[in-house]
């Protein structure tokens, strides 16, 4: 039994990209993903995804089902094909431990977050909530306030961040003027963010 469990652990934690794959499924419990979904969401090659999925499937980490998907080709034509999609198996031997480990772990390094966010524009305030403080009741994960925010750089930053944490980030971007106005009007959304657990990663506004 010990030997078999050691083999399972080796297959679970044999690469950083495998950890991304585990986060994707454990942070999106109940959702099924195709190989194409995995490629898009955590920035891995299709070849690598198939290889790692096969390893995890061997140790019963997944439950699978077959669905029909529509594929477009040409201008107006579509065809239907069958695809296997994967979801985490709640009966997997280490499921409770892995779920707990991922839930309690920091989704991303705060230093890396700060470094990445500062590159998207003149950022005055960054509030972390939700996923970043392990609060499932929060309505938002990330609030960014500032000027000259590059949409292209923002999208690239969020795409890389979501690949690392394994989950879609709920976020809002406001100018300093918008933020101050909504704050002065006791905006319910901002009050919910500021009155409940959160962390200020950057706070040049001194709030």
N, C-alpha and C. Protein backbone atom coordinates (compact mmCIF):
# COMPACT_ATOMS: atom_id res chain seq x y z
N UNK A 1 0.84 -1.22 0.00
CA UNK A 1 0.00 0.00 0.00
C UNK A 1 0.87 1.26 0.00
N UNK A 2 1.93 1.27 0.85
CA UNK A 2 2.81 2.44 0.91
C UNK A 2 3.50 2.66 -0.42
N UNK A 3 3.95 1.56 -1.04
CA UNK A 3 4.62 1.66 -2.33
C UNK A 3 3.69 2.25 -3.37
N UNK A 4 2.44 1.80 -3.39
CA UNK A 4 1.48 2.30 -4.36
C UNK A 4 1.21 3.78 -4.14
N UNK A 5 1.08 4.21 -2.85
CA UNK A 5 0.83 5.62 -2.56
C UNK A 5 2.03 6.49 -2.95
N UNK A 6 3.23 5.98 -2.78
CA UNK A 6 4.42 6.71 -3.21
C UNK A 6 4.43 6.92 -4.71
N UNK A 7 4.00 5.89 -5.45
CA UNK A 7 3.92 6.01 -6.91
C UNK A 7 2.90 7.06 -7.31
N UNK A 8 1.79 7.11 -6.58
CA UNK A 8 0.76 8.12 -6.86
C UNK A 8 1.33 9.52 -6.62
N UNK A 9 2.03 9.71 -5.50
CA UNK A 9 2.60 11.02 -5.18
C UNK A 9 3.62 11.45 -6.23
N UNK A 10 4.41 10.52 -6.71
CA UNK A 10 5.39 10.84 -7.76
C UNK A 10 4.69 11.33 -9.02
N UNK A 11 3.57 10.74 -9.35
CA UNK A 11 2.84 11.15 -10.55
C UNK A 11 2.10 12.47 -10.34
N UNK A 12 1.78 12.78 -9.09
CA UNK A 12 1.08 14.02 -8.79
C UNK A 12 2.00 15.24 -8.82
N UNK A 13 3.21 15.11 -8.30
CA UNK A 13 4.08 16.26 -8.10
C UNK A 13 5.40 16.13 -8.84
N UNK A 14 5.35 15.73 -10.10
CA UNK A 14 6.60 15.51 -10.82
C UNK A 14 7.03 16.69 -11.68
N UNK A 15 6.25 17.80 -11.70
CA UNK A 15 6.65 18.98 -12.48
C UNK A 15 5.81 20.19 -12.07
N UNK A 16 6.33 21.41 -12.27
CA UNK A 16 5.55 22.62 -11.97
C UNK A 16 4.27 22.71 -12.79
N UNK A 17 4.33 22.27 -14.05
CA UNK A 17 3.15 22.34 -14.90
C UNK A 17 2.07 21.36 -14.41
N UNK A 18 2.50 20.24 -13.82
CA UNK A 18 1.53 19.30 -13.26
C UNK A 18 0.76 19.97 -12.12
N UNK A 19 1.47 20.80 -11.34
CA UNK A 19 0.82 21.52 -10.25
C UNK A 19 -0.24 22.48 -10.80
N UNK A 20 0.06 23.15 -11.91
CA UNK A 20 -0.93 24.01 -12.56
C UNK A 20 -2.17 23.21 -12.94
N UNK A 21 -1.94 22.01 -13.47
CA UNK A 21 -3.03 21.16 -13.90
C UNK A 21 -3.89 20.76 -12.70
N UNK A 22 -3.24 20.41 -11.60
CA UNK A 22 -3.97 20.04 -10.39
C UNK A 22 -4.80 21.21 -9.86
N UNK A 23 -4.20 22.41 -9.86
CA UNK A 23 -4.93 23.59 -9.40
C UNK A 23 -6.17 23.85 -10.25
N UNK A 24 -6.03 23.67 -11.56
CA UNK A 24 -7.16 23.91 -12.47
C UNK A 24 -8.36 23.06 -12.06
N UNK A 25 -8.12 21.80 -11.79
CA UNK A 25 -9.23 20.90 -11.46
C UNK A 25 -9.71 21.05 -10.03
N UNK A 26 -8.80 21.27 -9.10
CA UNK A 26 -9.19 21.37 -7.70
C UNK A 26 -9.82 22.71 -7.35
N UNK A 27 -9.51 23.75 -8.13
CA UNK A 27 -10.13 25.06 -7.89
C UNK A 27 -11.39 25.26 -8.73
N UNK A 28 -11.68 24.29 -9.59
CA UNK A 28 -12.89 24.35 -10.42
C UNK A 28 -13.64 23.04 -10.27
N UNK A 29 -13.84 22.67 -9.02
CA UNK A 29 -14.49 21.40 -8.70
C UNK A 29 -15.86 21.31 -9.35
N UNK A 30 -16.12 20.19 -10.02
CA UNK A 30 -17.42 20.00 -10.67
C UNK A 30 -17.46 20.43 -12.12
N UNK A 31 -16.39 21.10 -12.59
CA UNK A 31 -16.32 21.53 -13.98
C UNK A 31 -15.47 20.55 -14.77
N UNK A 32 -15.92 20.24 -15.99
CA UNK A 32 -15.17 19.33 -16.86
C UNK A 32 -14.44 20.13 -17.94
N UNK A 33 -13.21 19.69 -18.23
CA UNK A 33 -12.39 20.38 -19.22
C UNK A 33 -11.91 19.41 -20.29
N UNK A 34 -11.88 19.90 -21.51
CA UNK A 34 -11.29 19.14 -22.61
C UNK A 34 -9.79 19.42 -22.65
N UNK A 35 -9.07 18.68 -23.46
CA UNK A 35 -7.64 18.95 -23.64
C UNK A 35 -7.43 20.37 -24.14
N UNK A 36 -8.30 20.79 -25.07
CA UNK A 36 -8.19 22.15 -25.63
C UNK A 36 -8.40 23.21 -24.55
N UNK A 37 -9.32 22.95 -23.63
CA UNK A 37 -9.55 23.88 -22.51
C UNK A 37 -8.29 24.03 -21.66
N UNK A 38 -7.65 22.90 -21.38
CA UNK A 38 -6.44 22.91 -20.55
C UNK A 38 -5.33 23.70 -21.23
N UNK A 39 -5.18 23.49 -22.53
CA UNK A 39 -4.16 24.21 -23.30
C UNK A 39 -4.37 25.71 -23.18
N UNK A 40 -5.63 26.13 -23.34
CA UNK A 40 -5.97 27.55 -23.31
C UNK A 40 -5.83 28.16 -21.92
N UNK A 41 -6.27 27.44 -20.91
CA UNK A 41 -6.36 28.02 -19.58
C UNK A 41 -5.04 28.05 -18.83
N UNK A 42 -4.20 27.01 -18.97
CA UNK A 42 -2.97 27.00 -18.17
C UNK A 42 -1.70 27.07 -19.03
N UNK A 43 -1.88 27.40 -20.31
CA UNK A 43 -0.76 27.69 -21.21
C UNK A 43 0.24 26.51 -21.31
N UNK A 44 -0.28 25.35 -21.66
CA UNK A 44 0.57 24.20 -21.92
C UNK A 44 0.28 23.69 -23.31
N UNK A 45 1.19 22.90 -23.86
CA UNK A 45 0.99 22.35 -25.21
C UNK A 45 0.00 21.20 -25.16
N UNK A 46 -0.67 20.94 -26.26
CA UNK A 46 -1.62 19.84 -26.33
C UNK A 46 -0.93 18.51 -26.07
N UNK A 47 0.28 18.38 -26.60
CA UNK A 47 1.04 17.14 -26.41
C UNK A 47 1.33 16.90 -24.93
N UNK A 48 1.77 17.94 -24.23
CA UNK A 48 2.08 17.82 -22.82
C UNK A 48 0.80 17.53 -22.03
N UNK A 49 -0.28 18.22 -22.38
CA UNK A 49 -1.55 18.02 -21.68
C UNK A 49 -2.02 16.57 -21.78
N UNK A 50 -1.95 16.01 -22.98
CA UNK A 50 -2.38 14.61 -23.16
C UNK A 50 -1.51 13.66 -22.34
N UNK A 51 -0.21 13.93 -22.32
CA UNK A 51 0.72 13.08 -21.58
C UNK A 51 0.42 13.12 -20.08
N UNK A 52 0.22 14.32 -19.53
CA UNK A 52 -0.01 14.45 -18.10
C UNK A 52 -1.40 13.97 -17.70
N UNK A 53 -2.37 14.19 -18.57
CA UNK A 53 -3.73 13.70 -18.31
C UNK A 53 -3.73 12.18 -18.26
N UNK A 54 -2.98 11.56 -19.13
CA UNK A 54 -2.89 10.10 -19.15
C UNK A 54 -2.32 9.57 -17.83
N UNK A 55 -1.29 10.26 -17.31
CA UNK A 55 -0.69 9.86 -16.03
C UNK A 55 -1.70 9.98 -14.89
N UNK A 56 -2.41 11.10 -14.85
CA UNK A 56 -3.38 11.31 -13.79
C UNK A 56 -4.57 10.36 -13.91
N UNK A 57 -4.92 10.04 -15.14
CA UNK A 57 -6.02 9.12 -15.37
C UNK A 57 -5.66 7.72 -14.88
N UNK A 58 -4.39 7.37 -15.00
CA UNK A 58 -3.90 6.06 -14.55
C UNK A 58 -4.08 5.85 -13.05
N UNK A 59 -4.04 6.95 -12.28
CA UNK A 59 -4.17 6.82 -10.82
C UNK A 59 -5.57 7.23 -10.35
N UNK A 60 -6.51 7.30 -11.31
CA UNK A 60 -7.93 7.56 -11.00
C UNK A 60 -8.19 8.96 -10.43
N UNK A 61 -7.36 9.92 -10.83
CA UNK A 61 -7.60 11.30 -10.40
C UNK A 61 -8.83 11.89 -11.09
N UNK A 62 -9.13 11.41 -12.28
CA UNK A 62 -10.22 11.96 -13.07
C UNK A 62 -11.47 11.08 -13.08
N UNK A 63 -12.58 11.76 -13.33
CA UNK A 63 -13.75 11.08 -13.87
C UNK A 63 -13.97 11.71 -15.25
N UNK A 64 -14.44 10.94 -16.18
CA UNK A 64 -14.56 11.42 -17.56
C UNK A 64 -15.97 11.23 -18.10
N UNK A 65 -16.26 12.00 -19.12
CA UNK A 65 -17.50 11.78 -19.86
C UNK A 65 -17.28 12.21 -21.29
N UNK A 66 -18.12 11.73 -22.18
CA UNK A 66 -18.02 12.07 -23.59
C UNK A 66 -19.15 13.02 -23.96
N UNK A 67 -18.78 14.10 -24.61
CA UNK A 67 -19.79 15.08 -25.04
C UNK A 67 -19.67 15.33 -26.54
N UNK A 68 -20.69 15.94 -27.10
CA UNK A 68 -20.66 16.32 -28.51
C UNK A 68 -20.36 17.81 -28.61
N UNK A 69 -19.43 18.16 -29.46
CA UNK A 69 -19.08 19.57 -29.64
C UNK A 69 -19.19 19.95 -31.11
N UNK A 70 -19.52 21.21 -31.35
CA UNK A 70 -19.62 21.71 -32.73
C UNK A 70 -18.31 22.38 -33.12
N UNK A 71 -17.81 22.04 -34.28
CA UNK A 71 -16.57 22.64 -34.78
C UNK A 71 -16.88 23.38 -36.08
N UNK A 72 -16.48 24.65 -36.14
CA UNK A 72 -16.70 25.43 -37.35
C UNK A 72 -15.59 25.20 -38.35
N UNK A 73 -15.94 25.09 -39.60
CA UNK A 73 -14.95 25.05 -40.67
C UNK A 73 -15.56 25.72 -41.89
N UNK A 74 -14.72 26.41 -42.63
CA UNK A 74 -15.27 27.23 -43.72
C UNK A 74 -15.96 28.45 -43.14
N UNK A 75 -16.81 29.08 -43.93
CA UNK A 75 -17.49 30.29 -43.50
C UNK A 75 -18.75 30.00 -42.69
N UNK A 76 -19.53 29.03 -43.11
CA UNK A 76 -20.81 28.79 -42.47
C UNK A 76 -21.01 27.35 -42.01
N UNK A 77 -20.10 26.47 -42.35
CA UNK A 77 -20.29 25.06 -42.08
C UNK A 77 -19.80 24.69 -40.68
N UNK A 78 -20.49 23.75 -40.08
CA UNK A 78 -20.07 23.18 -38.80
C UNK A 78 -20.20 21.67 -38.85
N UNK A 79 -19.42 21.01 -38.04
CA UNK A 79 -19.57 19.57 -37.91
C UNK A 79 -19.54 19.21 -36.43
N UNK A 80 -20.16 18.10 -36.11
CA UNK A 80 -20.23 17.66 -34.72
C UNK A 80 -19.28 16.49 -34.51
N UNK A 81 -18.50 16.57 -33.43
CA UNK A 81 -17.63 15.44 -33.11
C UNK A 81 -17.68 15.16 -31.61
N UNK A 82 -17.31 13.95 -31.25
CA UNK A 82 -17.31 13.58 -29.84
C UNK A 82 -15.96 13.93 -29.20
N UNK A 83 -16.01 14.36 -27.96
CA UNK A 83 -14.79 14.71 -27.24
C UNK A 83 -14.88 14.23 -25.80
N UNK A 84 -13.77 13.77 -25.27
CA UNK A 84 -13.70 13.36 -23.87
C UNK A 84 -13.35 14.58 -23.02
N UNK A 85 -14.09 14.77 -21.95
CA UNK A 85 -13.79 15.86 -21.02
C UNK A 85 -13.52 15.27 -19.64
N UNK A 86 -12.75 16.02 -18.84
CA UNK A 86 -12.24 15.49 -17.58
C UNK A 86 -12.64 16.38 -16.40
N UNK A 87 -12.99 15.73 -15.30
CA UNK A 87 -13.28 16.43 -14.05
C UNK A 87 -12.62 15.68 -12.91
N UNK A 88 -12.43 16.36 -11.78
CA UNK A 88 -11.75 15.70 -10.65
C UNK A 88 -12.66 14.63 -10.04
N UNK A 89 -12.07 13.52 -9.68
CA UNK A 89 -12.78 12.39 -9.09
C UNK A 89 -12.79 12.53 -7.57
N UNK A 90 -13.97 12.74 -6.99
CA UNK A 90 -14.07 12.92 -5.54
C UNK A 90 -13.68 11.67 -4.76
N UNK A 91 -13.64 10.54 -5.43
CA UNK A 91 -13.27 9.29 -4.77
C UNK A 91 -11.77 9.00 -4.88
N UNK A 92 -11.04 9.91 -5.48
CA UNK A 92 -9.58 9.74 -5.57
C UNK A 92 -9.00 9.67 -4.16
N UNK A 93 -8.03 8.78 -3.96
CA UNK A 93 -7.56 8.47 -2.62
C UNK A 93 -7.05 9.68 -1.84
N UNK A 94 -6.43 10.67 -2.52
CA UNK A 94 -5.89 11.84 -1.83
C UNK A 94 -6.74 13.10 -2.09
N UNK A 95 -7.96 12.93 -2.57
CA UNK A 95 -8.78 14.10 -2.92
C UNK A 95 -8.95 15.08 -1.75
N UNK A 96 -9.37 14.64 -0.55
CA UNK A 96 -9.58 15.61 0.55
C UNK A 96 -8.31 16.38 0.89
N UNK A 97 -7.18 15.67 0.94
CA UNK A 97 -5.92 16.31 1.30
C UNK A 97 -5.48 17.32 0.23
N UNK A 98 -5.61 16.93 -1.04
CA UNK A 98 -5.22 17.84 -2.12
C UNK A 98 -6.13 19.07 -2.18
N UNK A 99 -7.41 18.86 -2.01
CA UNK A 99 -8.37 19.96 -2.02
C UNK A 99 -8.04 20.95 -0.90
N UNK A 100 -7.75 20.44 0.27
CA UNK A 100 -7.42 21.27 1.42
C UNK A 100 -6.10 22.01 1.20
N UNK A 101 -5.12 21.31 0.63
CA UNK A 101 -3.81 21.90 0.37
C UNK A 101 -3.92 23.06 -0.61
N UNK A 102 -4.64 22.87 -1.70
CA UNK A 102 -4.80 23.91 -2.72
C UNK A 102 -5.61 25.08 -2.17
N UNK A 103 -6.64 24.79 -1.38
CA UNK A 103 -7.49 25.85 -0.82
C UNK A 103 -6.71 26.76 0.12
N UNK A 104 -5.77 26.18 0.88
CA UNK A 104 -5.04 26.96 1.87
C UNK A 104 -3.75 27.59 1.33
N UNK A 105 -3.30 27.13 0.18
CA UNK A 105 -2.04 27.66 -0.36
C UNK A 105 -2.25 29.02 -1.00
N UNK A 106 -1.20 29.85 -0.98
CA UNK A 106 -1.27 31.15 -1.65
C UNK A 106 -1.35 30.94 -3.16
N UNK A 107 -2.36 31.52 -3.82
CA UNK A 107 -2.50 31.30 -5.26
C UNK A 107 -1.32 31.80 -6.07
N UNK A 108 -0.71 32.93 -5.62
CA UNK A 108 0.40 33.51 -6.37
C UNK A 108 1.26 34.34 -5.43
N UNK A 109 2.53 34.45 -5.76
CA UNK A 109 3.46 35.26 -4.97
C UNK A 109 3.05 36.73 -5.01
N UNK A 110 2.96 37.36 -3.85
CA UNK A 110 2.57 38.77 -3.80
C UNK A 110 3.61 39.66 -4.47
N UNK A 111 4.89 39.30 -4.35
CA UNK A 111 5.95 40.07 -5.01
C UNK A 111 5.78 40.02 -6.53
N UNK A 112 5.47 38.83 -7.06
CA UNK A 112 5.26 38.69 -8.51
C UNK A 112 4.00 39.42 -8.95
N UNK A 113 2.97 39.36 -8.12
CA UNK A 113 1.73 40.09 -8.42
C UNK A 113 2.00 41.58 -8.53
N UNK A 114 2.69 42.13 -7.53
CA UNK A 114 2.98 43.56 -7.51
C UNK A 114 3.83 43.96 -8.72
N UNK A 115 4.83 43.15 -9.02
CA UNK A 115 5.71 43.44 -10.15
C UNK A 115 4.94 43.44 -11.47
N UNK A 116 4.04 42.45 -11.63
CA UNK A 116 3.26 42.36 -12.86
C UNK A 116 2.26 43.48 -13.00
N UNK A 117 1.58 43.83 -11.91
CA UNK A 117 0.56 44.88 -11.95
C UNK A 117 1.17 46.25 -12.23
N UNK A 118 2.35 46.50 -11.69
CA UNK A 118 2.98 47.81 -11.89
C UNK A 118 3.38 48.05 -13.34
N UNK A 119 3.43 47.02 -14.12
CA UNK A 119 3.81 47.15 -15.54
C UNK A 119 2.63 47.51 -16.44
N UNK A 120 1.40 47.47 -15.91
CA UNK A 120 0.24 47.68 -16.78
C UNK A 120 -0.18 49.14 -16.86
N UNK A 121 0.39 50.00 -16.00
CA UNK A 121 0.02 51.41 -16.03
C UNK A 121 0.41 52.10 -14.73
N UNK A 122 -0.15 53.28 -14.51
CA UNK A 122 0.14 54.04 -13.29
C UNK A 122 -0.85 53.61 -12.21
N UNK A 123 -0.50 52.55 -11.52
CA UNK A 123 -1.40 51.93 -10.55
C UNK A 123 -1.28 52.60 -9.19
N UNK A 124 -2.42 53.03 -8.62
CA UNK A 124 -2.43 53.73 -7.34
C UNK A 124 -2.91 52.84 -6.18
N UNK A 125 -3.74 51.86 -6.50
CA UNK A 125 -4.31 51.02 -5.45
C UNK A 125 -4.62 49.64 -6.01
N UNK A 126 -4.23 48.61 -5.26
CA UNK A 126 -4.57 47.23 -5.62
C UNK A 126 -5.10 46.55 -4.38
N UNK A 127 -6.31 46.03 -4.47
CA UNK A 127 -6.93 45.32 -3.36
C UNK A 127 -7.10 43.85 -3.74
N UNK A 128 -6.61 42.99 -2.86
CA UNK A 128 -6.76 41.55 -3.05
C UNK A 128 -7.90 41.05 -2.18
N UNK A 129 -8.75 40.23 -2.76
CA UNK A 129 -9.87 39.67 -2.01
C UNK A 129 -10.15 38.28 -2.58
N UNK A 130 -11.24 37.68 -2.17
CA UNK A 130 -11.66 36.41 -2.76
C UNK A 130 -10.59 35.35 -2.77
N UNK A 131 -10.27 34.91 -3.97
CA UNK A 131 -9.29 33.84 -4.19
C UNK A 131 -7.96 34.11 -3.50
N UNK A 132 -7.53 35.37 -3.50
CA UNK A 132 -6.19 35.70 -3.00
C UNK A 132 -6.08 35.71 -1.48
N UNK A 133 -7.22 35.71 -0.80
CA UNK A 133 -7.19 35.63 0.66
C UNK A 133 -8.01 34.43 1.15
N UNK A 134 -8.29 33.51 0.22
CA UNK A 134 -9.05 32.29 0.55
C UNK A 134 -10.41 32.59 1.17
N UNK A 135 -11.11 33.56 0.57
CA UNK A 135 -12.45 33.93 1.02
C UNK A 135 -13.45 33.63 -0.08
N UNK A 136 -14.18 32.54 0.07
CA UNK A 136 -15.11 32.11 -0.97
C UNK A 136 -16.35 33.00 -1.04
N UNK A 137 -16.63 33.76 0.01
CA UNK A 137 -17.84 34.59 0.03
C UNK A 137 -17.65 35.93 -0.68
N UNK A 138 -16.41 36.29 -1.01
CA UNK A 138 -16.14 37.58 -1.65
C UNK A 138 -16.71 37.63 -3.06
N UNK A 139 -17.15 38.83 -3.46
CA UNK A 139 -17.71 39.02 -4.79
C UNK A 139 -16.64 39.26 -5.85
N UNK A 140 -15.43 39.58 -5.42
CA UNK A 140 -14.38 39.99 -6.35
C UNK A 140 -13.04 39.46 -5.84
N UNK A 141 -12.10 39.26 -6.75
CA UNK A 141 -10.76 38.81 -6.37
C UNK A 141 -9.73 39.93 -6.40
N UNK A 142 -9.93 40.88 -7.33
CA UNK A 142 -8.88 41.87 -7.57
C UNK A 142 -9.50 43.21 -7.98
N UNK A 143 -9.10 44.26 -7.29
CA UNK A 143 -9.51 45.63 -7.64
C UNK A 143 -8.24 46.42 -7.97
N UNK A 144 -8.23 47.02 -9.16
CA UNK A 144 -7.08 47.82 -9.59
C UNK A 144 -7.56 49.25 -9.85
N UNK A 145 -6.88 50.21 -9.24
CA UNK A 145 -7.23 51.62 -9.41
C UNK A 145 -6.00 52.35 -9.93
N UNK A 146 -6.18 53.14 -10.99
CA UNK A 146 -5.05 53.89 -11.52
C UNK A 146 -5.36 54.53 -12.85
N UNK A 147 -4.34 55.08 -13.46
CA UNK A 147 -4.48 55.76 -14.74
C UNK A 147 -3.57 55.11 -15.78
N UNK A 148 -3.89 55.42 -17.05
CA UNK A 148 -3.08 54.95 -18.19
C UNK A 148 -2.91 53.43 -18.17
N UNK A 149 -3.97 52.72 -17.83
CA UNK A 149 -3.93 51.26 -17.79
C UNK A 149 -3.99 50.72 -19.22
N UNK A 150 -2.99 49.98 -19.62
CA UNK A 150 -2.94 49.38 -20.95
C UNK A 150 -3.82 48.13 -20.97
N UNK A 151 -4.86 48.14 -21.82
CA UNK A 151 -5.75 47.00 -21.90
C UNK A 151 -5.02 45.75 -22.36
N UNK A 152 -4.12 45.92 -23.30
CA UNK A 152 -3.35 44.79 -23.82
C UNK A 152 -2.47 44.18 -22.73
N UNK A 153 -1.77 45.03 -21.98
CA UNK A 153 -0.91 44.53 -20.91
C UNK A 153 -1.73 43.93 -19.78
N UNK A 154 -2.89 44.52 -19.51
CA UNK A 154 -3.78 44.00 -18.48
C UNK A 154 -4.24 42.59 -18.84
N UNK A 155 -4.68 42.41 -20.09
CA UNK A 155 -5.17 41.10 -20.54
C UNK A 155 -4.06 40.05 -20.48
N UNK A 156 -2.84 40.46 -20.87
CA UNK A 156 -1.72 39.51 -20.81
C UNK A 156 -1.40 39.13 -19.37
N UNK A 157 -1.40 40.14 -18.49
CA UNK A 157 -1.13 39.89 -17.08
C UNK A 157 -2.16 38.94 -16.48
N UNK A 158 -3.45 39.18 -16.76
CA UNK A 158 -4.51 38.35 -16.20
C UNK A 158 -4.47 36.94 -16.77
N UNK A 159 -4.16 36.82 -18.05
CA UNK A 159 -4.07 35.51 -18.68
C UNK A 159 -2.98 34.66 -18.02
N UNK A 160 -1.82 35.28 -17.78
CA UNK A 160 -0.71 34.56 -17.13
C UNK A 160 -1.04 34.24 -15.68
N UNK A 161 -1.73 35.16 -15.01
CA UNK A 161 -2.10 34.95 -13.62
C UNK A 161 -3.11 33.81 -13.49
N UNK A 162 -4.10 33.81 -14.37
CA UNK A 162 -5.11 32.75 -14.34
C UNK A 162 -4.51 31.39 -14.64
N UNK A 163 -3.50 31.36 -15.53
CA UNK A 163 -2.81 30.10 -15.83
C UNK A 163 -2.08 29.60 -14.59
N UNK A 164 -1.52 30.52 -13.81
CA UNK A 164 -0.77 30.13 -12.61
C UNK A 164 -1.68 29.65 -11.48
N UNK A 165 -2.80 30.37 -11.27
CA UNK A 165 -3.66 30.02 -10.13
C UNK A 165 -4.69 28.96 -10.48
N UNK A 166 -4.96 28.75 -11.77
CA UNK A 166 -5.88 27.71 -12.18
C UNK A 166 -7.35 28.08 -12.08
N UNK A 167 -7.65 29.39 -12.10
CA UNK A 167 -9.04 29.81 -11.98
C UNK A 167 -9.23 31.18 -12.62
N UNK A 168 -10.42 31.44 -13.16
CA UNK A 168 -10.72 32.75 -13.72
C UNK A 168 -10.72 33.79 -12.59
N UNK A 169 -10.11 34.93 -12.87
CA UNK A 169 -10.01 36.00 -11.87
C UNK A 169 -11.17 36.98 -12.06
N UNK A 170 -11.92 37.22 -10.98
CA UNK A 170 -12.97 38.24 -11.00
C UNK A 170 -12.31 39.56 -10.62
N UNK A 171 -12.38 40.54 -11.51
CA UNK A 171 -11.63 41.78 -11.27
C UNK A 171 -12.41 42.99 -11.75
N UNK A 172 -11.98 44.15 -11.26
CA UNK A 172 -12.52 45.42 -11.74
C UNK A 172 -11.38 46.41 -11.81
N UNK A 173 -11.40 47.27 -12.83
CA UNK A 173 -10.40 48.33 -12.99
C UNK A 173 -11.12 49.67 -12.96
N UNK A 174 -10.65 50.58 -12.13
CA UNK A 174 -11.26 51.91 -12.00
C UNK A 174 -10.18 52.98 -12.10
N UNK A 175 -10.56 54.15 -12.63
CA UNK A 175 -9.66 55.29 -12.54
C UNK A 175 -9.71 55.81 -11.12
N UNK A 176 -8.74 56.62 -10.75
CA UNK A 176 -8.74 57.19 -9.40
C UNK A 176 -9.98 58.05 -9.18
N UNK A 177 -10.37 58.78 -10.21
CA UNK A 177 -11.57 59.64 -10.11
C UNK A 177 -12.82 58.79 -9.89
N UNK A 178 -12.96 57.71 -10.66
CA UNK A 178 -14.12 56.82 -10.50
C UNK A 178 -14.15 56.21 -9.10
N UNK A 179 -12.98 55.78 -8.65
CA UNK A 179 -12.91 55.15 -7.33
C UNK A 179 -13.31 56.14 -6.23
N UNK A 180 -12.74 57.35 -6.27
CA UNK A 180 -13.03 58.34 -5.23
C UNK A 180 -14.50 58.75 -5.25
N UNK A 181 -15.07 58.88 -6.45
CA UNK A 181 -16.49 59.26 -6.55
C UNK A 181 -17.37 58.17 -5.95
N UNK A 182 -17.11 56.91 -6.34
CA UNK A 182 -17.93 55.81 -5.84
C UNK A 182 -17.77 55.63 -4.34
N UNK A 183 -16.57 55.91 -3.85
CA UNK A 183 -16.32 55.83 -2.42
C UNK A 183 -17.10 56.90 -1.68
N UNK A 184 -17.11 58.12 -2.25
CA UNK A 184 -17.83 59.23 -1.61
C UNK A 184 -19.34 59.02 -1.61
N UNK A 185 -19.83 58.23 -2.59
CA UNK A 185 -21.27 57.95 -2.70
C UNK A 185 -21.65 56.68 -1.92
N UNK A 186 -20.71 56.15 -1.16
CA UNK A 186 -20.93 54.92 -0.39
C UNK A 186 -21.42 53.78 -1.28
N UNK A 187 -20.75 53.68 -2.42
CA UNK A 187 -21.05 52.63 -3.38
C UNK A 187 -21.05 51.27 -2.68
N UNK A 188 -22.13 50.51 -2.88
CA UNK A 188 -22.29 49.26 -2.13
C UNK A 188 -21.18 48.25 -2.46
N UNK A 189 -20.81 48.18 -3.74
CA UNK A 189 -19.78 47.23 -4.15
C UNK A 189 -18.45 47.53 -3.43
N UNK A 190 -18.03 48.80 -3.46
CA UNK A 190 -16.77 49.17 -2.81
C UNK A 190 -16.84 48.99 -1.30
N UNK A 191 -17.99 49.29 -0.73
CA UNK A 191 -18.14 49.12 0.72
C UNK A 191 -18.02 47.64 1.08
N UNK A 192 -18.60 46.78 0.24
CA UNK A 192 -18.48 45.33 0.49
C UNK A 192 -17.02 44.89 0.44
N UNK A 193 -16.27 45.45 -0.52
CA UNK A 193 -14.86 45.09 -0.65
C UNK A 193 -14.07 45.57 0.56
N UNK A 194 -14.29 46.82 0.96
CA UNK A 194 -13.47 47.44 2.02
C UNK A 194 -13.92 47.07 3.43
N UNK A 195 -15.19 46.72 3.59
CA UNK A 195 -15.68 46.39 4.93
C UNK A 195 -15.45 44.93 5.31
N UNK A 196 -15.16 44.12 4.32
CA UNK A 196 -14.95 42.70 4.57
C UNK A 196 -13.47 42.36 4.36
N UNK A 197 -13.06 41.14 4.73
CA UNK A 197 -11.63 40.79 4.63
C UNK A 197 -11.03 41.08 3.26
N UNK A 198 -9.89 41.75 3.26
CA UNK A 198 -9.19 42.08 2.02
C UNK A 198 -7.74 42.42 2.39
N UNK A 199 -6.92 42.60 1.37
CA UNK A 199 -5.54 43.00 1.60
C UNK A 199 -5.14 44.02 0.55
N UNK A 200 -4.52 45.11 0.98
CA UNK A 200 -4.07 46.14 0.05
C UNK A 200 -2.62 45.83 -0.36
N UNK A 201 -2.45 45.46 -1.63
CA UNK A 201 -1.13 45.11 -2.13
C UNK A 201 -0.34 46.38 -2.47
N UNK A 202 -1.03 47.37 -3.04
CA UNK A 202 -0.48 48.70 -3.33
C UNK A 202 -1.48 49.71 -2.80
N UNK A 203 -1.02 50.72 -2.07
CA UNK A 203 -1.95 51.68 -1.49
C UNK A 203 -1.36 53.08 -1.50
N UNK A 204 -1.21 53.65 -2.69
CA UNK A 204 -0.70 55.01 -2.81
C UNK A 204 -1.78 56.05 -2.49
N UNK A 205 -3.04 55.59 -2.42
CA UNK A 205 -4.14 56.50 -2.09
C UNK A 205 -4.31 56.66 -0.58
N UNK A 206 -3.61 55.83 0.18
CA UNK A 206 -3.62 55.93 1.64
C UNK A 206 -5.03 55.77 2.22
N UNK A 207 -5.77 54.80 1.72
CA UNK A 207 -7.11 54.61 2.27
C UNK A 207 -7.09 53.53 3.35
